[in-house]
């Protein structure tokens, strides 16, 4: 349960997050995030 790392910070630009609601990890380890409220977008983090 040790925290190893984190990414993201509050905002609406690429790489920033606004109410990140859901996420998924693909077979290559890329992380996809989905935001709600006014964010309403999906981002891919390699």
ModelCIF file with pLDDT and N, C-alpha, C, O atoms, coordinates in Angstrom:
data_MODEL
#
_entry.id   MODEL 
#
_entity.id                         1 
_entity.type                       polymer 
_entity.pdbx_number_of_molecules   1 
#
_entity_poly.entity_id                      1 
_entity_poly.type                           'polypeptide(L)' 
_entity_poly.nstd_linkage                   no 
_entity_poly.nstd_monomer                   no 
_entity_poly.pdbx_seq_one_letter_code       
;(UNK)(UNK)(UNK)(UNK)(UNK)(UNK)(UNK)(UNK)(UNK)(UNK)(UNK)(UNK)(UNK)(UNK)(UNK)(UNK)
(UNK)(UNK)(UNK)(UNK)(UNK)(UNK)(UNK)(UNK)(UNK)(UNK)(UNK)(UNK)(UNK)(UNK)(UNK)(UNK)
(UNK)(UNK)(UNK)(UNK)(UNK)(UNK)(UNK)(UNK)(UNK)(UNK)(UNK)(UNK)(UNK)(UNK)
;
_entity_poly.pdbx_seq_one_letter_code_can   XXXXXXXXXXXXXXXXXXXXXXXXXXXXXXXXXXXXXXXXXXXXXX 
_entity_poly.pdbx_strand_id                 A 
#
loop_
_entity_poly_seq.entity_id 
_entity_poly_seq.num 
_entity_poly_seq.mon_id 
_entity_poly_seq.hetero 
1 1  UNK n 
1 2  UNK n 
1 3  UNK n 
1 4  UNK n 
1 5  UNK n 
1 6  UNK n 
1 7  UNK n 
1 8  UNK n 
1 9  UNK n 
1 10 UNK n 
1 11 UNK n 
1 12 UNK n 
1 13 UNK n 
1 14 UNK n 
1 15 UNK n 
1 16 UNK n 
1 17 UNK n 
1 18 UNK n 
1 19 UNK n 
1 20 UNK n 
1 21 UNK n 
1 22 UNK n 
1 23 UNK n 
1 24 UNK n 
1 25 UNK n 
1 26 UNK n 
1 27 UNK n 
1 28 UNK n 
1 29 UNK n 
1 30 UNK n 
1 31 UNK n 
1 32 UNK n 
1 33 UNK n 
1 34 UNK n 
1 35 UNK n 
1 36 UNK n 
1 37 UNK n 
1 38 UNK n 
1 39 UNK n 
1 40 UNK n 
1 41 UNK n 
1 42 UNK n 
1 43 UNK n 
1 44 UNK n 
1 45 UNK n 
1 46 UNK n 
#
_struct_asym.id          A 
_struct_asym.entity_id   1 
#
loop_
_ma_qa_metric.id 
_ma_qa_metric.mode 
_ma_qa_metric.name 
_ma_qa_metric.software_group_id 
_ma_qa_metric.type 
1 global pLDDT . pLDDT 
2 local  pLDDT . pLDDT 
#
_ma_qa_metric_global.metric_id      1 
_ma_qa_metric_global.metric_value   91.76 
_ma_qa_metric_global.model_id       1 
_ma_qa_metric_global.ordinal_id     1 
#
loop_
_ma_qa_metric_local.label_asym_id 
_ma_qa_metric_local.label_comp_id 
_ma_qa_metric_local.label_seq_id 
_ma_qa_metric_local.metric_id 
_ma_qa_metric_local.metric_value 
_ma_qa_metric_local.model_id 
_ma_qa_metric_local.ordinal_id 
A UNK 1  2 92.00 1 1  
A UNK 2  2 92.00 1 2  
A UNK 3  2 92.00 1 3  
A UNK 4  2 91.00 1 4  
A UNK 5  2 89.00 1 5  
A UNK 6  2 91.00 1 6  
A UNK 7  2 91.00 1 7  
A UNK 8  2 92.00 1 8  
A UNK 9  2 93.00 1 9  
A UNK 10 2 93.00 1 10 
A UNK 11 2 93.00 1 11 
A UNK 12 2 91.00 1 12 
A UNK 13 2 93.00 1 13 
A UNK 14 2 92.00 1 14 
A UNK 15 2 92.00 1 15 
A UNK 16 2 94.00 1 16 
A UNK 17 2 94.00 1 17 
A UNK 18 2 92.00 1 18 
A UNK 19 2 92.00 1 19 
A UNK 20 2 93.00 1 20 
A UNK 21 2 94.00 1 21 
A UNK 22 2 95.00 1 22 
A UNK 23 2 96.00 1 23 
A UNK 24 2 96.00 1 24 
A UNK 25 2 95.00 1 25 
A UNK 26 2 93.00 1 26 
A UNK 27 2 91.00 1 27 
A UNK 28 2 89.00 1 28 
A UNK 29 2 90.00 1 29 
A UNK 30 2 93.00 1 30 
A UNK 31 2 95.00 1 31 
A UNK 32 2 96.00 1 32 
A UNK 33 2 96.00 1 33 
A UNK 34 2 96.00 1 34 
A UNK 35 2 94.00 1 35 
A UNK 36 2 90.00 1 36 
A UNK 37 2 85.00 1 37 
A UNK 38 2 79.00 1 38 
A UNK 39 2 68.00 1 39 
A UNK 40 2 87.00 1 40 
A UNK 41 2 93.00 1 41 
A UNK 42 2 95.00 1 42 
A UNK 43 2 95.00 1 43 
A UNK 44 2 95.00 1 44 
A UNK 45 2 93.00 1 45 
A UNK 46 2 90.00 1 46 
#
loop_
_atom_site.group_PDB 
_atom_site.id 
_atom_site.type_symbol 
_atom_site.label_atom_id 
_atom_site.label_alt_id 
_atom_site.label_comp_id 
_atom_site.label_asym_id 
_atom_site.label_entity_id 
_atom_site.label_seq_id 
_atom_site.pdbx_PDB_ins_code 
_atom_site.Cartn_x 
_atom_site.Cartn_y 
_atom_site.Cartn_z 
_atom_site.occupancy 
_atom_site.B_iso_or_equiv 
_atom_site.pdbx_formal_charge 
_atom_site.auth_seq_id 
_atom_site.auth_comp_id 
_atom_site.auth_asym_id 
_atom_site.auth_atom_id 
_atom_site.pdbx_PDB_model_num 
ATOM 1   N N  . UNK A 1 1  ? 0.799   -1.217 0.000   1.00 92.00 ? 1  UNK A N  1 
ATOM 2   C CA . UNK A 1 1  ? 0.000   0.000  0.000   1.00 92.00 ? 1  UNK A CA 1 
ATOM 3   C C  . UNK A 1 1  ? 0.829   1.262  0.000   1.00 92.00 ? 1  UNK A C  1 
ATOM 4   O O  . UNK A 1 1  ? 0.285   2.366  0.031   1.00 92.00 ? 1  UNK A O  1 
ATOM 5   N N  . UNK A 1 2  ? 2.149   1.109  -0.034  1.00 92.00 ? 2  UNK A N  1 
ATOM 6   C CA . UNK A 1 2  ? 3.047   2.269  -0.024  1.00 92.00 ? 2  UNK A CA 1 
ATOM 7   C C  . UNK A 1 2  ? 2.863   3.087  -1.308  1.00 92.00 ? 2  UNK A C  1 
ATOM 8   O O  . UNK A 1 2  ? 2.819   2.533  -2.407  1.00 92.00 ? 2  UNK A O  1 
ATOM 9   N N  . UNK A 1 3  ? 2.757   4.406  -1.154  1.00 92.00 ? 3  UNK A N  1 
ATOM 10  C CA . UNK A 1 3  ? 2.661   5.295  -2.307  1.00 92.00 ? 3  UNK A CA 1 
ATOM 11  C C  . UNK A 1 3  ? 4.037   5.366  -2.961  1.00 92.00 ? 3  UNK A C  1 
ATOM 12  O O  . UNK A 1 3  ? 5.018   5.748  -2.321  1.00 92.00 ? 3  UNK A O  1 
ATOM 13  N N  . UNK A 1 4  ? 4.103   4.996  -4.241  1.00 91.00 ? 4  UNK A N  1 
ATOM 14  C CA . UNK A 1 4  ? 5.365   4.989  -4.972  1.00 91.00 ? 4  UNK A CA 1 
ATOM 15  C C  . UNK A 1 4  ? 5.543   6.247  -5.813  1.00 91.00 ? 4  UNK A C  1 
ATOM 16  O O  . UNK A 1 4  ? 6.659   6.741  -5.979  1.00 91.00 ? 4  UNK A O  1 
ATOM 17  N N  . UNK A 1 5  ? 4.449   6.754  -6.337  1.00 89.00 ? 5  UNK A N  1 
ATOM 18  C CA . UNK A 1 5  ? 4.521   7.913  -7.210  1.00 89.00 ? 5  UNK A CA 1 
ATOM 19  C C  . UNK A 1 5  ? 3.107   8.436  -7.429  1.00 89.00 ? 5  UNK A C  1 
ATOM 20  O O  . UNK A 1 5  ? 2.128   7.831  -6.993  1.00 89.00 ? 5  UNK A O  1 
ATOM 21  N N  . UNK A 1 6  ? 3.021   9.568  -8.112  1.00 91.00 ? 6  UNK A N  1 
ATOM 22  C CA . UNK A 1 6  ? 1.727   10.099 -8.528  1.00 91.00 ? 6  UNK A CA 1 
ATOM 23  C C  . UNK A 1 6  ? 1.962   11.029 -9.700  1.00 91.00 ? 6  UNK A C  1 
ATOM 24  O O  . UNK A 1 6  ? 3.075   11.507 -9.918  1.00 91.00 ? 6  UNK A O  1 
ATOM 25  N N  . UNK A 1 7  ? 0.907   11.281 -10.449 1.00 91.00 ? 7  UNK A N  1 
ATOM 26  C CA . UNK A 1 7  ? 0.986   12.291 -11.496 1.00 91.00 ? 7  UNK A CA 1 
ATOM 27  C C  . UNK A 1 7  ? -0.344  13.007 -11.586 1.00 91.00 ? 7  UNK A C  1 
ATOM 28  O O  . UNK A 1 7  ? -1.364  12.540 -11.079 1.00 91.00 ? 7  UNK A O  1 
ATOM 29  N N  . UNK A 1 8  ? -0.307  14.146 -12.240 1.00 92.00 ? 8  UNK A N  1 
ATOM 30  C CA . UNK A 1 8  ? -1.492  14.968 -12.390 1.00 92.00 ? 8  UNK A CA 1 
ATOM 31  C C  . UNK A 1 8  ? -1.552  16.055 -11.340 1.00 92.00 ? 8  UNK A C  1 
ATOM 32  O O  . UNK A 1 8  ? -0.981  15.940 -10.256 1.00 92.00 ? 8  UNK A O  1 
ATOM 33  N N  . UNK A 1 9  ? -2.248  17.094 -11.686 1.00 93.00 ? 9  UNK A N  1 
ATOM 34  C CA . UNK A 1 9  ? -2.548  18.182 -10.757 1.00 93.00 ? 9  UNK A CA 1 
ATOM 35  C C  . UNK A 1 9  ? -3.807  18.850 -11.262 1.00 93.00 ? 9  UNK A C  1 
ATOM 36  O O  . UNK A 1 9  ? -4.233  18.618 -12.393 1.00 93.00 ? 9  UNK A O  1 
ATOM 37  N N  . UNK A 1 10 ? -4.387  19.659 -10.443 1.00 93.00 ? 10 UNK A N  1 
ATOM 38  C CA . UNK A 1 10 ? -5.650  20.279 -10.794 1.00 93.00 ? 10 UNK A CA 1 
ATOM 39  C C  . UNK A 1 10 ? -5.488  21.246 -11.963 1.00 93.00 ? 10 UNK A C  1 
ATOM 40  O O  . UNK A 1 10 ? -4.602  22.100 -11.955 1.00 93.00 ? 10 UNK A O  1 
ATOM 41  N N  . UNK A 1 11 ? -6.340  21.107 -12.953 1.00 93.00 ? 11 UNK A N  1 
ATOM 42  C CA . UNK A 1 11 ? -6.319  22.012 -14.092 1.00 93.00 ? 11 UNK A CA 1 
ATOM 43  C C  . UNK A 1 11 ? -7.054  21.436 -15.277 1.00 93.00 ? 11 UNK A C  1 
ATOM 44  O O  . UNK A 1 11 ? -7.555  20.312 -15.236 1.00 93.00 ? 11 UNK A O  1 
ATOM 45  N N  . UNK A 1 12 ? -7.110  22.223 -16.334 1.00 91.00 ? 12 UNK A N  1 
ATOM 46  C CA . UNK A 1 12 ? -7.862  21.817 -17.523 1.00 91.00 ? 12 UNK A CA 1 
ATOM 47  C C  . UNK A 1 12 ? -6.998  21.715 -18.774 1.00 91.00 ? 12 UNK A C  1 
ATOM 48  O O  . UNK A 1 12 ? -7.516  21.544 -19.878 1.00 91.00 ? 12 UNK A O  1 
ATOM 49  N N  . UNK A 1 13 ? -5.682  21.818 -18.606 1.00 93.00 ? 13 UNK A N  1 
ATOM 50  C CA . UNK A 1 13 ? -4.785  21.681 -19.745 1.00 93.00 ? 13 UNK A CA 1 
ATOM 51  C C  . UNK A 1 13 ? -4.325  20.228 -19.874 1.00 93.00 ? 13 UNK A C  1 
ATOM 52  O O  . UNK A 1 13 ? -4.546  19.416 -18.975 1.00 93.00 ? 13 UNK A O  1 
ATOM 53  N N  . UNK A 1 14 ? -3.689  19.914 -20.993 1.00 92.00 ? 14 UNK A N  1 
ATOM 54  C CA . UNK A 1 14 ? -3.176  18.559 -21.211 1.00 92.00 ? 14 UNK A CA 1 
ATOM 55  C C  . UNK A 1 14 ? -2.268  18.155 -20.049 1.00 92.00 ? 14 UNK A C  1 
ATOM 56  O O  . UNK A 1 14 ? -1.392  18.914 -19.635 1.00 92.00 ? 14 UNK A O  1 
ATOM 57  N N  . UNK A 1 15 ? -2.490  16.963 -19.541 1.00 92.00 ? 15 UNK A N  1 
ATOM 58  C CA . UNK A 1 15 ? -1.695  16.455 -18.431 1.00 92.00 ? 15 UNK A CA 1 
ATOM 59  C C  . UNK A 1 15 ? -2.225  16.833 -17.061 1.00 92.00 ? 15 UNK A C  1 
ATOM 60  O O  . UNK A 1 15 ? -1.804  16.262 -16.055 1.00 92.00 ? 15 UNK A O  1 
ATOM 61  N N  . UNK A 1 16 ? -3.137  17.781 -17.008 1.00 94.00 ? 16 UNK A N  1 
ATOM 62  C CA . UNK A 1 16 ? -3.771  18.150 -15.757 1.00 94.00 ? 16 UNK A CA 1 
ATOM 63  C C  . UNK A 1 16 ? -5.119  17.432 -15.663 1.00 94.00 ? 16 UNK A C  1 
ATOM 64  O O  . UNK A 1 16 ? -5.646  16.950 -16.666 1.00 94.00 ? 16 UNK A O  1 
ATOM 65  N N  . UNK A 1 17 ? -5.662  17.367 -14.464 1.00 94.00 ? 17 UNK A N  1 
ATOM 66  C CA . UNK A 1 17 ? -6.895  16.611 -14.245 1.00 94.00 ? 17 UNK A CA 1 
ATOM 67  C C  . UNK A 1 17 ? -7.944  17.472 -13.560 1.00 94.00 ? 17 UNK A C  1 
ATOM 68  O O  . UNK A 1 17 ? -7.632  18.302 -12.707 1.00 94.00 ? 17 UNK A O  1 
ATOM 69  N N  . UNK A 1 18 ? -9.181  17.259 -13.948 1.00 92.00 ? 18 UNK A N  1 
ATOM 70  C CA . UNK A 1 18 ? -10.308 17.942 -13.311 1.00 92.00 ? 18 UNK A CA 1 
ATOM 71  C C  . UNK A 1 18 ? -11.383 16.908 -13.008 1.00 92.00 ? 18 UNK A C  1 
ATOM 72  O O  . UNK A 1 18 ? -12.132 16.500 -13.895 1.00 92.00 ? 18 UNK A O  1 
ATOM 73  N N  . UNK A 1 19 ? -11.453 16.492 -11.763 1.00 92.00 ? 19 UNK A N  1 
ATOM 74  C CA . UNK A 1 19 ? -12.382 15.472 -11.299 1.00 92.00 ? 19 UNK A CA 1 
ATOM 75  C C  . UNK A 1 19 ? -12.224 14.185 -12.110 1.00 92.00 ? 19 UNK A C  1 
ATOM 76  O O  . UNK A 1 19 ? -13.149 13.738 -12.788 1.00 92.00 ? 19 UNK A O  1 
ATOM 77  N N  . UNK A 1 20 ? -11.034 13.606 -12.021 1.00 93.00 ? 20 UNK A N  1 
ATOM 78  C CA . UNK A 1 20 ? -10.778 12.345 -12.720 1.00 93.00 ? 20 UNK A CA 1 
ATOM 79  C C  . UNK A 1 20 ? -11.653 11.258 -12.085 1.00 93.00 ? 20 UNK A C  1 
ATOM 80  O O  . UNK A 1 20 ? -11.475 10.898 -10.921 1.00 93.00 ? 20 UNK A O  1 
ATOM 81  N N  . UNK A 1 21 ? -12.581 10.757 -12.859 1.00 94.00 ? 21 UNK A N  1 
ATOM 82  C CA . UNK A 1 21 ? -13.621 9.864  -12.349 1.00 94.00 ? 21 UNK A CA 1 
ATOM 83  C C  . UNK A 1 21 ? -13.324 8.390  -12.598 1.00 94.00 ? 21 UNK A C  1 
ATOM 84  O O  . UNK A 1 21 ? -13.534 7.551  -11.721 1.00 94.00 ? 21 UNK A O  1 
ATOM 85  N N  . UNK A 1 22 ? -12.837 8.079  -13.789 1.00 95.00 ? 22 UNK A N  1 
ATOM 86  C CA . UNK A 1 22 ? -12.565 6.683  -14.154 1.00 95.00 ? 22 UNK A CA 1 
ATOM 87  C C  . UNK A 1 22 ? -11.187 6.572  -14.770 1.00 95.00 ? 22 UNK A C  1 
ATOM 88  O O  . UNK A 1 22 ? -10.601 7.558  -15.218 1.00 95.00 ? 22 UNK A O  1 
ATOM 89  N N  . UNK A 1 23 ? -10.683 5.350  -14.781 1.00 96.00 ? 23 UNK A N  1 
ATOM 90  C CA . UNK A 1 23 ? -9.400  5.099  -15.422 1.00 96.00 ? 23 UNK A CA 1 
ATOM 91  C C  . UNK A 1 23 ? -9.323  3.651  -15.876 1.00 96.00 ? 23 UNK A C  1 
ATOM 92  O O  . UNK A 1 23 ? -10.064 2.787  -15.408 1.00 96.00 ? 23 UNK A O  1 
ATOM 93  N N  . UNK A 1 24 ? -8.401  3.415  -16.802 1.00 96.00 ? 24 UNK A N  1 
ATOM 94  C CA . UNK A 1 24 ? -8.144  2.061  -17.301 1.00 96.00 ? 24 UNK A CA 1 
ATOM 95  C C  . UNK A 1 24 ? -6.681  1.980  -17.696 1.00 96.00 ? 24 UNK A C  1 
ATOM 96  O O  . UNK A 1 24 ? -6.066  2.988  -18.045 1.00 96.00 ? 24 UNK A O  1 
ATOM 97  N N  . UNK A 1 25 ? -6.130  0.786  -17.640 1.00 95.00 ? 25 UNK A N  1 
ATOM 98  C CA . UNK A 1 25 ? -4.744  0.543  -18.045 1.00 95.00 ? 25 UNK A CA 1 
ATOM 99  C C  . UNK A 1 25 ? -4.772  -0.469 -19.168 1.00 95.00 ? 25 UNK A C  1 
ATOM 100 O O  . UNK A 1 25 ? -5.391  -1.526 -19.040 1.00 95.00 ? 25 UNK A O  1 
ATOM 101 N N  . UNK A 1 26 ? -4.097  -0.152 -20.285 1.00 93.00 ? 26 UNK A N  1 
ATOM 102 C CA . UNK A 1 26 ? -4.087  -1.096 -21.407 1.00 93.00 ? 26 UNK A CA 1 
ATOM 103 C C  . UNK A 1 26 ? -2.949  -2.096 -21.277 1.00 93.00 ? 26 UNK A C  1 
ATOM 104 O O  . UNK A 1 26 ? -2.182  -2.040 -20.315 1.00 93.00 ? 26 UNK A O  1 
ATOM 105 N N  . UNK A 1 27 ? -2.831  -3.008 -22.231 1.00 91.00 ? 27 UNK A N  1 
ATOM 106 C CA . UNK A 1 27 ? -1.842  -4.089 -22.167 1.00 91.00 ? 27 UNK A CA 1 
ATOM 107 C C  . UNK A 1 27 ? -0.403  -3.585 -22.226 1.00 91.00 ? 27 UNK A C  1 
ATOM 108 O O  . UNK A 1 27 ? 0.515   -4.321 -21.865 1.00 91.00 ? 27 UNK A O  1 
ATOM 109 N N  . UNK A 1 28 ? -0.188  -2.368 -22.665 1.00 89.00 ? 28 UNK A N  1 
ATOM 110 C CA . UNK A 1 28 ? 1.165   -1.786 -22.724 1.00 89.00 ? 28 UNK A CA 1 
ATOM 111 C C  . UNK A 1 28 ? 1.475   -0.920 -21.504 1.00 89.00 ? 28 UNK A C  1 
ATOM 112 O O  . UNK A 1 28 ? 2.561   -0.350 -21.410 1.00 89.00 ? 28 UNK A O  1 
ATOM 113 N N  . UNK A 1 29 ? 0.536   -0.820 -20.577 1.00 90.00 ? 29 UNK A N  1 
ATOM 114 C CA . UNK A 1 29 ? 0.756   -0.036 -19.369 1.00 90.00 ? 29 UNK A CA 1 
ATOM 115 C C  . UNK A 1 29 ? 0.367   1.427  -19.487 1.00 90.00 ? 29 UNK A C  1 
ATOM 116 O O  . UNK A 1 29 ? 0.568   2.193  -18.544 1.00 90.00 ? 29 UNK A O  1 
ATOM 117 N N  . UNK A 1 30 ? -0.190  1.835  -20.630 1.00 93.00 ? 30 UNK A N  1 
ATOM 118 C CA . UNK A 1 30 ? -0.665  3.198  -20.764 1.00 93.00 ? 30 UNK A CA 1 
ATOM 119 C C  . UNK A 1 30 ? -1.912  3.388  -19.916 1.00 93.00 ? 30 UNK A C  1 
ATOM 120 O O  . UNK A 1 30 ? -2.736  2.480  -19.806 1.00 93.00 ? 30 UNK A O  1 
ATOM 121 N N  . UNK A 1 31 ? -2.051  4.556  -19.320 1.00 95.00 ? 31 UNK A N  1 
ATOM 122 C CA . UNK A 1 31 ? -3.177  4.841  -18.442 1.00 95.00 ? 31 UNK A CA 1 
ATOM 123 C C  . UNK A 1 31 ? -4.106  5.828  -19.132 1.00 95.00 ? 31 UNK A C  1 
ATOM 124 O O  . UNK A 1 31 ? -3.667  6.852  -19.656 1.00 95.00 ? 31 UNK A O  1 
ATOM 125 N N  . UNK A 1 32 ? -5.386  5.509  -19.125 1.00 96.00 ? 32 UNK A N  1 
ATOM 126 C CA . UNK A 1 32 ? -6.412  6.377  -19.701 1.00 96.00 ? 32 UNK A CA 1 
ATOM 127 C C  . UNK A 1 32 ? -7.273  6.903  -18.557 1.00 96.00 ? 32 UNK A C  1 
ATOM 128 O O  . UNK A 1 32 ? -7.727  6.134  -17.711 1.00 96.00 ? 32 UNK A O  1 
ATOM 129 N N  . UNK A 1 33 ? -7.495  8.205  -18.535 1.00 96.00 ? 33 UNK A N  1 
ATOM 130 C CA . UNK A 1 33 ? -8.333  8.804  -17.505 1.00 96.00 ? 33 UNK A CA 1 
ATOM 131 C C  . UNK A 1 33 ? -9.552  9.455  -18.146 1.00 96.00 ? 33 UNK A C  1 
ATOM 132 O O  . UNK A 1 33 ? -9.482  9.967  -19.264 1.00 96.00 ? 33 UNK A O  1 
ATOM 133 N N  . UNK A 1 34 ? -10.664 9.431  -17.427 1.00 96.00 ? 34 UNK A N  1 
ATOM 134 C CA . UNK A 1 34 ? -11.895 10.088 -17.878 1.00 96.00 ? 34 UNK A CA 1 
ATOM 135 C C  . UNK A 1 34 ? -12.325 11.068 -16.795 1.00 96.00 ? 34 UNK A C  1 
ATOM 136 O O  . UNK A 1 34 ? -12.333 10.735 -15.610 1.00 96.00 ? 34 UNK A O  1 
ATOM 137 N N  . UNK A 1 35 ? -12.684 12.282 -17.214 1.00 94.00 ? 35 UNK A N  1 
ATOM 138 C CA . UNK A 1 35 ? -13.041 13.338 -16.279 1.00 94.00 ? 35 UNK A CA 1 
ATOM 139 C C  . UNK A 1 35 ? -14.517 13.702 -16.406 1.00 94.00 ? 35 UNK A C  1 
ATOM 140 O O  . UNK A 1 35 ? -15.121 13.549 -17.468 1.00 94.00 ? 35 UNK A O  1 
ATOM 141 N N  . UNK A 1 36 ? -15.080 14.183 -15.313 1.00 90.00 ? 36 UNK A N  1 
ATOM 142 C CA . UNK A 1 36 ? -16.477 14.606 -15.288 1.00 90.00 ? 36 UNK A CA 1 
ATOM 143 C C  . UNK A 1 36 ? -16.548 16.106 -15.033 1.00 90.00 ? 36 UNK A C  1 
ATOM 144 O O  . UNK A 1 36 ? -15.525 16.790 -15.055 1.00 90.00 ? 36 UNK A O  1 
ATOM 145 N N  . UNK A 1 37 ? -17.733 16.612 -14.794 1.00 85.00 ? 37 UNK A N  1 
ATOM 146 C CA . UNK A 1 37 ? -17.999 18.024 -14.605 1.00 85.00 ? 37 UNK A CA 1 
ATOM 147 C C  . UNK A 1 37 ? -17.674 18.754 -15.901 1.00 85.00 ? 37 UNK A C  1 
ATOM 148 O O  . UNK A 1 37 ? -18.112 18.322 -16.968 1.00 85.00 ? 37 UNK A O  1 
ATOM 149 N N  . UNK A 1 38 ? -16.939 19.821 -15.842 1.00 79.00 ? 38 UNK A N  1 
ATOM 150 C CA . UNK A 1 38 ? -16.625 20.575 -17.060 1.00 79.00 ? 38 UNK A CA 1 
ATOM 151 C C  . UNK A 1 38 ? -15.418 20.025 -17.810 1.00 79.00 ? 38 UNK A C  1 
ATOM 152 O O  . UNK A 1 38 ? -15.139 20.450 -18.931 1.00 79.00 ? 38 UNK A O  1 
ATOM 153 N N  . UNK A 1 39 ? -14.694 19.075 -17.195 1.00 68.00 ? 39 UNK A N  1 
ATOM 154 C CA . UNK A 1 39 ? -13.553 18.464 -17.876 1.00 68.00 ? 39 UNK A CA 1 
ATOM 155 C C  . UNK A 1 39 ? -14.009 17.675 -19.093 1.00 68.00 ? 39 UNK A C  1 
ATOM 156 O O  . UNK A 1 39 ? -13.535 17.910 -20.204 1.00 68.00 ? 39 UNK A O  1 
ATOM 157 N N  . UNK A 1 40 ? -14.923 16.745 -18.884 1.00 87.00 ? 40 UNK A N  1 
ATOM 158 C CA . UNK A 1 40 ? -15.541 15.933 -19.931 1.00 87.00 ? 40 UNK A CA 1 
ATOM 159 C C  . UNK A 1 40 ? -14.575 15.522 -21.027 1.00 87.00 ? 40 UNK A C  1 
ATOM 160 O O  . UNK A 1 40 ? -14.790 15.829 -22.199 1.00 87.00 ? 40 UNK A O  1 
ATOM 161 N N  . UNK A 1 41 ? -13.528 14.841 -20.654 1.00 93.00 ? 41 UNK A N  1 
ATOM 162 C CA . UNK A 1 41 ? -12.552 14.401 -21.645 1.00 93.00 ? 41 UNK A CA 1 
ATOM 163 C C  . UNK A 1 41 ? -11.878 13.114 -21.182 1.00 93.00 ? 41 UNK A C  1 
ATOM 164 O O  . UNK A 1 41 ? -11.990 12.704 -20.027 1.00 93.00 ? 41 UNK A O  1 
ATOM 165 N N  . UNK A 1 42 ? -11.181 12.497 -22.121 1.00 95.00 ? 42 UNK A N  1 
ATOM 166 C CA . UNK A 1 42 ? -10.352 11.329 -21.852 1.00 95.00 ? 42 UNK A CA 1 
ATOM 167 C C  . UNK A 1 42 ? -8.929  11.714 -22.213 1.00 95.00 ? 42 UNK A C  1 
ATOM 168 O O  . UNK A 1 42 ? -8.692  12.353 -23.239 1.00 95.00 ? 42 UNK A O  1 
ATOM 169 N N  . UNK A 1 43 ? -7.975  11.322 -21.361 1.00 95.00 ? 43 UNK A N  1 
ATOM 170 C CA . UNK A 1 43 ? -6.568  11.565 -21.657 1.00 95.00 ? 43 UNK A CA 1 
ATOM 171 C C  . UNK A 1 43 ? -5.808  10.246 -21.595 1.00 95.00 ? 43 UNK A C  1 
ATOM 172 O O  . UNK A 1 43 ? -6.162  9.337  -20.845 1.00 95.00 ? 43 UNK A O  1 
ATOM 173 N N  . UNK A 1 44 ? -4.767  10.165 -22.394 1.00 95.00 ? 44 UNK A N  1 
ATOM 174 C CA . UNK A 1 44 ? -3.885  8.995  -22.394 1.00 95.00 ? 44 UNK A CA 1 
ATOM 175 C C  . UNK A 1 44 ? -2.537  9.427  -21.836 1.00 95.00 ? 44 UNK A C  1 
ATOM 176 O O  . UNK A 1 44 ? -1.951  10.415 -22.278 1.00 95.00 ? 44 UNK A O  1 
ATOM 177 N N  . UNK A 1 45 ? -2.056  8.667  -20.853 1.00 93.00 ? 45 UNK A N  1 
ATOM 178 C CA . UNK A 1 45 ? -0.747  8.895  -20.262 1.00 93.00 ? 45 UNK A CA 1 
ATOM 179 C C  . UNK A 1 45 ? 0.130   7.698  -20.611 1.00 93.00 ? 45 UNK A C  1 
ATOM 180 O O  . UNK A 1 45 ? -0.153  6.571  -20.203 1.00 93.00 ? 45 UNK A O  1 
ATOM 181 N N  . UNK A 1 46 ? 1.188   7.950  -21.362 1.00 90.00 ? 46 UNK A N  1 
ATOM 182 C CA . UNK A 1 46 ? 2.075   6.873  -21.812 1.00 90.00 ? 46 UNK A CA 1 
ATOM 183 C C  . UNK A 1 46 ? 2.905   6.351  -20.643 1.00 90.00 ? 46 UNK A C  1 
ATOM 184 O O  . UNK A 1 46 ? 3.714   5.440  -20.819 1.00 90.00 ? 46 UNK A O  1 
#
